Amino acid sequence: MRLRAFYSDTFAPLALRSRAFNTRRLYVSTLNSFERFLCRPAELSDLNDETVSRYLSYFRALPRSAYSVNKERNNLLCIWRFACRKRLIDVYPDVEPDPQPERIPQAWTQAQLTQLFVAASEEPGIIGHTLACYWWWALLFRPEEPRDEKGGGHE
């Protein structure tokens, strides 16, 4: 059975029925890339450890980040497991994810925030006509600037 037919006739209607359009788009992108790797339409029988692992190595060499490689892996393995549950494939996947680098936090920890506010409270002196401790607290509590649709601030 063709993988794309299985995706559109069975997997997408049953497993992705309440998912966003972008989720479906990413699955189709994975199928397109998998078929480019195979140089032919993918079959359900292509969902095996060796072929998927070789595909992920190919995809990583394009070059793609470990996060992108793991997204491809997760999409294929999700379809594969679903096919196993429907008894169309006998062997469940055993394909390890790529190691991902540790991401730099996007926010301060609670301990860091506490330390920051304590330091601001203890700041001596005056800035302009305001006590320094109040000035620093006002800066720390400054509301975020409004953003446009693309995530940037107003110019």
Protein backbone atom coordinates (compact mmCIF):
# COMPACT_ATOMS: atom_id res chain seq x y z
CA MET A 1 0.00 0.00 0.00
CA ARG A 2 1.27 3.49 -0.83
CA LEU A 3 2.21 5.50 2.26
CA ARG A 4 0.64 8.66 0.88
CA ALA A 5 -2.69 6.88 0.27
CA PHE A 6 -2.60 5.46 3.80
CA TYR A 7 -1.88 8.95 5.14
CA SER A 8 -4.70 10.67 3.26
CA ASP A 9 -7.32 7.88 3.45
CA THR A 10 -6.77 6.56 6.98
CA PHE A 11 -4.18 8.33 9.14
CA ALA A 12 -5.11 11.99 8.56
CA PRO A 13 -8.89 11.54 8.94
CA LEU A 14 -8.57 9.42 12.08
CA ALA A 15 -5.41 10.59 13.84
CA LEU A 16 -5.26 14.25 12.74
CA ARG A 17 -8.96 15.10 12.62
CA SER A 18 -8.72 17.78 15.32
CA ARG A 19 -5.21 19.01 14.48
CA ALA A 20 -4.32 22.36 12.95
CA PHE A 21 -3.78 22.81 9.22
CA ASN A 22 -0.07 23.44 9.87
CA THR A 23 0.27 20.03 11.54
CA ARG A 24 -1.13 18.34 8.43
CA ARG A 25 1.16 20.48 6.25
CA LEU A 26 4.21 19.29 8.22
CA TYR A 27 3.21 15.64 7.80
CA VAL A 28 2.83 16.13 4.03
CA SER A 29 6.24 17.84 3.97
CA THR A 30 7.74 14.81 5.73
CA LEU A 31 6.15 12.46 3.18
CA ASN A 32 7.46 14.60 0.31
CA SER A 33 10.98 14.58 1.71
CA PHE A 34 10.86 10.84 2.44
CA GLU A 35 9.81 10.16 -1.16
CA ARG A 36 12.59 12.41 -2.51
CA PHE A 37 15.04 10.32 -0.47
CA LEU A 38 13.59 7.08 -1.84
CA CYS A 39 13.41 8.46 -5.43
CA ARG A 40 9.97 6.88 -5.74
CA PRO A 41 6.56 6.86 -4.02
CA ALA A 42 6.87 5.50 -0.47
CA GLU A 43 5.17 2.25 0.51
CA LEU A 44 4.04 1.19 3.98
CA SER A 45 6.78 -1.45 3.79
CA ASP A 46 9.35 1.41 3.74
CA LEU A 47 8.47 2.05 7.37
CA ASN A 48 11.23 -0.11 8.82
CA ASP A 49 14.15 0.72 11.11
CA GLU A 50 16.83 0.57 8.41
CA THR A 51 15.07 2.71 5.80
CA VAL A 52 13.85 5.34 8.26
CA SER A 53 17.28 5.56 9.93
CA ARG A 54 18.97 6.00 6.55
CA TYR A 55 16.42 8.68 5.65
CA LEU A 56 17.09 10.57 8.89
CA SER A 57 20.85 10.46 8.21
CA TYR A 58 20.19 11.80 4.71
CA PHE A 59 17.92 14.53 6.09
CA ARG A 60 20.48 15.56 8.72
CA ALA A 61 23.16 15.90 6.02
CA LEU A 62 21.07 18.42 4.02
CA PRO A 63 22.00 20.07 6.61
CA ARG A 64 19.18 20.20 9.12
CA SER A 65 19.19 20.72 12.87
CA ALA A 66 18.64 17.87 15.32
CA TYR A 67 15.26 19.45 16.13
CA SER A 68 14.21 19.22 12.46
CA VAL A 69 15.51 15.65 12.15
CA ASN A 70 13.56 14.63 15.24
CA LYS A 71 10.40 16.29 13.89
CA GLU A 72 10.73 14.18 10.72
CA ARG A 73 11.34 11.09 12.87
CA ASN A 74 8.34 11.83 15.08
CA ASN A 75 6.05 12.31 12.07
CA LEU A 76 7.12 9.06 10.39
CA LEU A 77 7.01 7.08 13.64
CA CYS A 78 3.55 8.40 14.44
CA ILE A 79 2.24 7.16 11.08
CA TRP A 80 4.17 3.90 11.53
CA ARG A 81 2.76 3.19 15.00
CA PHE A 82 -0.74 3.96 13.77
CA ALA A 83 -0.26 1.45 10.92
CA CYS A 84 0.94 -1.10 13.50
CA ARG A 85 -2.17 -0.53 15.62
CA LYS A 86 -4.27 -1.09 12.48
CA ARG A 87 -2.28 -4.33 11.91
CA LEU A 88 -0.94 -3.22 8.54
CA ILE A 89 2.68 -3.43 9.76
CA ASP A 90 3.92 -6.14 12.14
CA VAL A 91 7.05 -4.53 13.63
CA TYR A 92 6.91 -1.41 15.78
CA PRO A 93 9.60 1.25 15.28
CA ASP A 94 12.90 1.21 17.15
CA VAL A 95 14.56 4.37 15.80
CA GLU A 96 16.38 6.51 18.35
CA PRO A 97 16.05 10.31 18.20
CA ASP A 98 19.00 12.54 17.35
CA PRO A 99 20.64 14.06 20.43
CA GLN A 100 19.50 17.66 20.77
CA PRO A 101 21.61 20.46 22.22
CA GLU A 102 20.40 21.95 25.47
CA ARG A 103 18.45 25.10 24.72
CA ILE A 104 19.31 28.38 26.37
CA PRO A 105 16.41 29.35 28.66
CA GLN A 106 14.16 32.13 27.39
CA ALA A 107 13.31 33.35 30.88
CA TRP A 108 14.85 33.80 34.30
CA THR A 109 14.32 31.17 36.98
CA GLN A 110 12.28 32.00 40.08
CA ALA A 111 15.50 32.17 42.12
CA GLN A 112 17.07 34.59 39.63
CA LEU A 113 13.99 36.82 39.69
CA THR A 114 13.97 36.88 43.48
CA GLN A 115 17.66 37.80 43.55
CA LEU A 116 17.07 40.55 40.97
CA PHE A 117 14.18 42.15 42.90
CA VAL A 118 16.05 41.94 46.21
CA ALA A 119 19.03 43.69 44.63
CA ALA A 120 16.74 46.37 43.14
CA SER A 121 15.11 46.94 46.55
CA GLU A 122 18.50 47.47 48.16
CA GLU A 123 19.84 49.90 45.52
CA PRO A 124 20.86 53.15 47.27
CA GLY A 125 20.75 56.65 45.85
CA ILE A 126 18.57 58.65 43.55
CA ILE A 127 18.13 58.43 39.79
CA GLY A 128 16.75 61.72 38.47
CA HIS A 129 14.17 62.69 41.11
CA THR A 130 13.33 59.10 42.09
CA LEU A 131 14.81 56.80 44.72
CA ALA A 132 17.00 54.28 42.90
CA CYS A 133 15.13 51.31 44.40
CA TYR A 134 11.82 52.63 42.97
CA TRP A 135 13.43 53.42 39.62
CA TRP A 136 14.78 49.86 39.29
CA TRP A 137 11.45 48.33 40.35
CA ALA A 138 9.66 50.46 37.73
CA LEU A 139 12.12 49.26 35.08
CA LEU A 140 11.67 45.62 36.08
CA PHE A 141 7.87 45.90 36.06
CA ARG A 142 7.82 47.68 32.67
CA PRO A 143 5.11 46.09 30.53
CA GLU A 144 6.19 44.40 27.34
CA GLU A 145 5.92 46.55 24.23
CA PRO A 146 3.10 45.70 21.83
CA ARG A 147 4.19 43.49 18.95
CA ASP A 148 3.05 43.44 15.36
CA GLU A 149 1.88 40.22 13.63
CA LYS A 150 5.48 39.21 12.83
CA GLY A 151 6.58 39.39 16.48
CA GLY A 152 8.49 42.67 16.23
CA GLY A 153 7.90 45.90 18.13
CA HIS A 154 6.44 49.06 16.66
CA GLU A 155 8.85 51.28 14.75
